[in-house]
Amino acid sequence: MGGVTTRKNSGQSTTAPAKRQRATSSGPASERRDHLVKLAAELFARKGFQATTVREIADEAGILSGSLYHHFDSKETIVDEVLSTFLDDLVARYRTAIGSGADPRSTLSEMVRIGFGTLEPHRAAITVMQNDWNYLRQFERFNYLVKAEDEVEQIWVAQIKAGQAAGQFRADVDPKLTYRMIRDTIWVAVRWFRPGGRLNTTGLAEHYITVLFDGLATGERTSQQA
């Protein structure tokens, strides 16, 4: 998920509760809150979560710092909403893909499309996860980051193993290493992909699927045979 595979536990925690809570109200107040989250997410992505201050978020929104606390009790609550919204959406889509009953290759292709499809709507969240992963995971309230990463890895690895068992994928590749290479290709793309370019996220995903399954070289395979 975050491009980080080395983990360690920490006894640090924030004063905020570990359980994630989101505003469920509707109307102008909810719309204002969503607008503030989007502004803050862009700042976090551009400057980094640690370097961004509450005052800067308020200035970007054109309000006083104190007014921001009418919507959020801390900067951590804002980034929590940014990241949890992204991960909830991603995991739900992956679960739908694996529950479709399609063969492993079709399922894996759909998961690639899902991953690339997040680059625009969740660009800020993906950037924050890459830049601030090590810092955020120190705190108890962000334990769900590691849990989500573990679940996503299990989903991908299971599909790769299923494809190997079905004879669709090569048996001589390591499933976990293959997943991590795919993961990093997708998430690092957020750094260079720009909407409005020659390829949109759909075209990007289809190009990657072609390279993933058909390879780059022509002729006989030069690497170890399965």
Protein backbone atom coordinates (compact mmCIF):
# COMPACT_ATOMS: atom_id res chain seq x y z
CA MET A 1 0.00 0.00 0.00
CA GLY A 2 2.37 2.64 1.15
CA GLY A 3 5.45 1.20 -0.52
CA VAL A 4 6.80 0.30 2.92
CA THR A 5 7.29 -3.29 3.95
CA THR A 6 9.38 -3.01 7.13
CA ARG A 7 7.26 -2.54 10.24
CA LYS A 8 7.84 -2.07 13.93
CA ASN A 9 5.53 -1.50 16.87
CA SER A 10 5.69 1.70 18.85
CA GLY A 11 4.31 2.64 22.19
CA GLN A 12 3.53 6.19 21.08
CA SER A 13 -0.05 7.29 20.77
CA THR A 14 -2.04 10.45 20.24
CA THR A 15 -4.56 11.84 22.62
CA ALA A 16 -7.30 11.33 20.08
CA PRO A 17 -9.36 8.13 20.29
CA ALA A 18 -8.15 5.21 18.20
CA LYS A 19 -11.59 4.52 16.79
CA ARG A 20 -12.24 6.37 13.55
CA GLN A 21 -15.32 8.56 13.43
CA ARG A 22 -16.77 10.42 10.51
CA ALA A 23 -19.39 13.09 10.22
CA THR A 24 -22.64 11.60 8.98
CA SER A 25 -24.68 14.78 8.81
CA SER A 26 -25.85 16.23 5.53
CA GLY A 27 -26.38 19.74 4.32
CA PRO A 28 -24.17 22.86 4.25
CA ALA A 29 -22.17 21.90 7.37
CA SER A 30 -21.24 18.53 5.89
CA GLU A 31 -20.37 20.11 2.55
CA ARG A 32 -18.17 22.65 4.31
CA ARG A 33 -16.43 19.87 6.20
CA ASP A 34 -15.79 17.92 3.00
CA HIS A 35 -14.39 21.06 1.39
CA LEU A 36 -12.00 21.57 4.30
CA VAL A 37 -10.85 17.95 4.10
CA LYS A 38 -10.05 18.34 0.40
CA LEU A 39 -8.12 21.57 0.98
CA ALA A 40 -6.15 20.02 3.82
CA ALA A 41 -5.44 16.87 1.80
CA GLU A 42 -3.90 18.96 -0.97
CA LEU A 43 -1.70 20.75 1.55
CA PHE A 44 -0.64 17.47 3.16
CA ALA A 45 0.24 16.08 -0.26
CA ARG A 46 2.17 19.19 -1.28
CA LYS A 47 3.99 20.03 1.95
CA GLY A 48 3.83 16.82 3.97
CA PHE A 49 1.55 16.15 6.92
CA GLN A 50 4.10 17.05 9.61
CA ALA A 51 5.07 20.34 7.93
CA THR A 52 1.49 21.52 7.43
CA THR A 53 0.04 23.60 10.26
CA VAL A 54 -3.56 24.14 11.30
CA ARG A 55 -3.08 27.85 10.57
CA GLU A 56 -2.06 27.05 6.98
CA ILE A 57 -5.15 24.91 6.50
CA ALA A 58 -7.32 27.69 7.87
CA ASP A 59 -5.60 30.29 5.69
CA GLU A 60 -6.14 28.11 2.62
CA ALA A 61 -9.84 27.90 3.51
CA GLY A 62 -10.08 31.63 4.24
CA ILE A 63 -11.13 31.14 7.86
CA LEU A 64 -9.62 31.68 11.30
CA SER A 65 -7.74 28.80 12.91
CA GLY A 66 -10.32 28.67 15.69
CA SER A 67 -13.08 28.18 13.17
CA LEU A 68 -11.39 25.03 11.89
CA TYR A 69 -11.85 23.46 15.32
CA HIS A 70 -15.62 23.71 14.92
CA HIS A 71 -15.24 20.90 12.37
CA PHE A 72 -12.17 18.96 13.54
CA ASP A 73 -10.54 18.50 16.91
CA SER A 74 -7.04 18.10 15.45
CA LYS A 75 -4.94 17.94 12.32
CA GLU A 76 -4.72 14.17 12.86
CA THR A 77 -8.50 13.88 12.58
CA ILE A 78 -8.38 15.49 9.16
CA VAL A 79 -5.68 13.23 7.75
CA ASP A 80 -7.46 10.29 9.35
CA GLU A 81 -10.54 11.08 7.29
CA VAL A 82 -8.46 11.51 4.12
CA LEU A 83 -6.73 8.15 4.48
CA SER A 84 -9.61 6.09 5.82
CA THR A 85 -11.90 7.26 3.01
CA PHE A 86 -9.33 6.13 0.46
CA LEU A 87 -8.62 2.77 2.08
CA ASP A 88 -12.29 1.95 2.71
CA ASP A 89 -13.03 2.63 -0.96
CA LEU A 90 -10.02 0.65 -2.21
CA VAL A 91 -10.60 -2.42 -0.03
CA ALA A 92 -14.34 -2.46 -0.83
CA ARG A 93 -13.56 -2.45 -4.55
CA TYR A 94 -11.00 -5.22 -4.20
CA ARG A 95 -13.48 -7.34 -2.22
CA THR A 96 -16.06 -6.85 -4.95
CA ALA A 97 -13.52 -7.91 -7.59
CA ILE A 98 -12.58 -11.14 -5.85
CA GLY A 99 -16.21 -11.88 -5.11
CA SER A 100 -17.20 -11.72 -8.77
CA GLY A 101 -16.29 -15.35 -9.39
CA ALA A 102 -14.09 -14.49 -12.38
CA ASP A 103 -10.93 -16.45 -13.16
CA PRO A 104 -7.68 -15.27 -11.51
CA ARG A 105 -6.32 -13.48 -14.58
CA SER A 106 -9.54 -11.52 -15.10
CA THR A 107 -9.73 -10.71 -11.39
CA LEU A 108 -6.11 -9.56 -11.28
CA SER A 109 -6.69 -7.37 -14.34
CA GLU A 110 -9.68 -5.77 -12.65
CA MET A 111 -7.62 -5.15 -9.51
CA VAL A 112 -4.99 -3.39 -11.61
CA ARG A 113 -7.74 -1.19 -13.09
CA ILE A 114 -9.04 -0.44 -9.60
CA GLY A 115 -5.57 0.56 -8.42
CA PHE A 116 -4.85 2.90 -11.31
CA GLY A 117 -8.40 4.21 -11.08
CA THR A 118 -7.66 5.66 -7.63
CA LEU A 119 -4.86 7.92 -8.90
CA GLU A 120 -7.19 10.84 -9.64
CA PRO A 121 -9.90 10.72 -6.94
CA HIS A 122 -7.46 9.74 -4.17
CA ARG A 123 -4.25 11.36 -5.43
CA ALA A 124 -3.67 13.34 -2.23
CA ALA A 125 -4.29 10.35 0.05
CA ILE A 126 -1.89 8.14 -1.92
CA THR A 127 0.77 10.85 -1.80
CA VAL A 128 0.34 11.29 1.95
CA MET A 129 0.63 7.55 2.51
CA GLN A 130 3.88 7.45 0.57
CA ASN A 131 5.40 10.49 2.26
CA ASP A 132 4.14 10.16 5.84
CA TRP A 133 3.61 6.42 6.28
CA ASN A 134 6.48 5.89 8.73
CA TYR A 135 5.41 8.82 10.88
CA LEU A 136 1.68 8.10 11.01
CA ARG A 137 1.95 4.40 11.75
CA GLN A 138 3.64 5.19 15.07
CA PHE A 139 0.30 6.22 16.51
CA GLU A 140 -2.41 3.90 17.74
CA ARG A 141 -5.21 5.67 15.91
CA PHE A 142 -3.53 4.82 12.60
CA ASN A 143 -3.18 1.09 13.26
CA TYR A 144 -5.74 0.51 10.52
CA LEU A 145 -3.13 1.55 7.94
CA VAL A 146 -1.09 -1.58 8.56
CA LYS A 147 -4.22 -3.74 8.83
CA ALA A 148 -5.47 -2.47 5.48
CA GLU A 149 -2.08 -3.01 3.88
CA ASP A 150 -2.02 -6.58 5.18
CA GLU A 151 -5.51 -7.31 3.86
CA VAL A 152 -4.70 -5.88 0.43
CA GLU A 153 -1.51 -7.90 0.24
CA GLN A 154 -3.37 -11.08 1.18
CA ILE A 155 -5.97 -10.41 -1.53
CA TRP A 156 -3.35 -9.93 -4.24
CA VAL A 157 -1.11 -12.81 -3.19
CA ALA A 158 -4.10 -15.18 -3.01
CA GLN A 159 -5.11 -14.27 -6.57
CA ILE A 160 -1.59 -14.75 -7.89
CA LYS A 161 -1.36 -18.15 -6.19
CA ALA A 162 -4.78 -19.09 -7.56
CA GLY A 163 -3.61 -18.16 -11.06
CA GLN A 164 -0.52 -20.31 -10.62
CA ALA A 165 -2.61 -23.24 -9.42
CA ALA A 166 -4.91 -22.83 -12.43
CA GLY A 167 -1.99 -22.75 -14.84
CA GLN A 168 -2.69 -19.14 -15.88
CA PHE A 169 0.42 -17.65 -14.26
CA ARG A 170 4.02 -18.84 -14.26
CA ALA A 171 4.89 -21.12 -11.37
CA ASP A 172 8.46 -19.83 -11.08
CA VAL A 173 7.61 -16.35 -9.78
CA ASP A 174 7.24 -15.43 -6.13
CA PRO A 175 3.64 -14.27 -5.41
CA LYS A 176 4.52 -11.81 -2.64
CA LEU A 177 7.40 -10.24 -4.55
CA THR A 178 5.22 -10.03 -7.66
CA TYR A 179 2.49 -8.26 -5.70
CA ARG A 180 4.92 -5.74 -4.25
CA MET A 181 6.31 -4.94 -7.69
CA ILE A 182 2.78 -4.40 -9.02
CA ARG A 183 1.83 -2.33 -5.96
CA ASP A 184 4.82 -0.05 -6.26
CA THR A 185 4.27 0.44 -9.98
CA ILE A 186 0.70 1.60 -9.36
CA TRP A 187 1.27 3.84 -6.35
CA VAL A 188 4.50 5.47 -7.56
CA ALA A 189 2.63 6.47 -10.73
CA VAL A 190 0.88 9.13 -8.64
CA ARG A 191 4.15 11.08 -8.70
CA TRP A 192 4.30 11.42 -12.47
CA PHE A 193 0.78 10.82 -13.78
CA ARG A 194 -0.99 14.01 -14.75
CA PRO A 195 -4.71 14.12 -15.66
CA GLY A 196 -5.32 15.42 -19.14
CA GLY A 197 -2.22 13.81 -20.59
CA ARG A 198 -1.93 11.39 -23.48
CA LEU A 199 -3.29 8.52 -21.37
CA ASN A 200 -6.03 8.63 -18.77
CA THR A 201 -6.05 6.17 -15.86
CA THR A 202 -8.05 3.65 -17.91
CA GLY A 203 -5.51 3.73 -20.73
CA LEU A 204 -2.68 3.56 -18.23
CA ALA A 205 -4.16 0.47 -16.61
CA GLU A 206 -4.73 -1.31 -19.93
CA HIS A 207 -1.16 -0.58 -21.03
CA TYR A 208 0.18 -1.98 -17.78
CA ILE A 209 -2.02 -5.08 -18.03
CA THR A 210 -0.62 -5.72 -21.51
CA VAL A 211 2.96 -5.48 -20.28
CA LEU A 212 2.17 -7.51 -17.14
CA PHE A 213 0.64 -10.47 -18.95
CA ASP A 214 2.19 -10.33 -22.42
CA GLY A 215 5.63 -9.05 -21.50
CA LEU A 216 7.95 -6.73 -23.38
CA ALA A 217 10.17 -9.11 -25.32
CA THR A 218 9.13 -10.96 -28.46
CA GLY A 219 10.08 -14.50 -29.39
CA GLU A 220 10.92 -17.26 -26.97
CA ARG A 221 11.14 -16.64 -23.27
CA THR A 222 14.73 -15.94 -22.16
CA SER A 223 14.15 -16.23 -18.42
CA GLN A 224 13.74 -19.48 -16.50
CA GLN A 225 10.96 -21.69 -17.82
CA ALA A 226 8.07 -22.58 -15.54
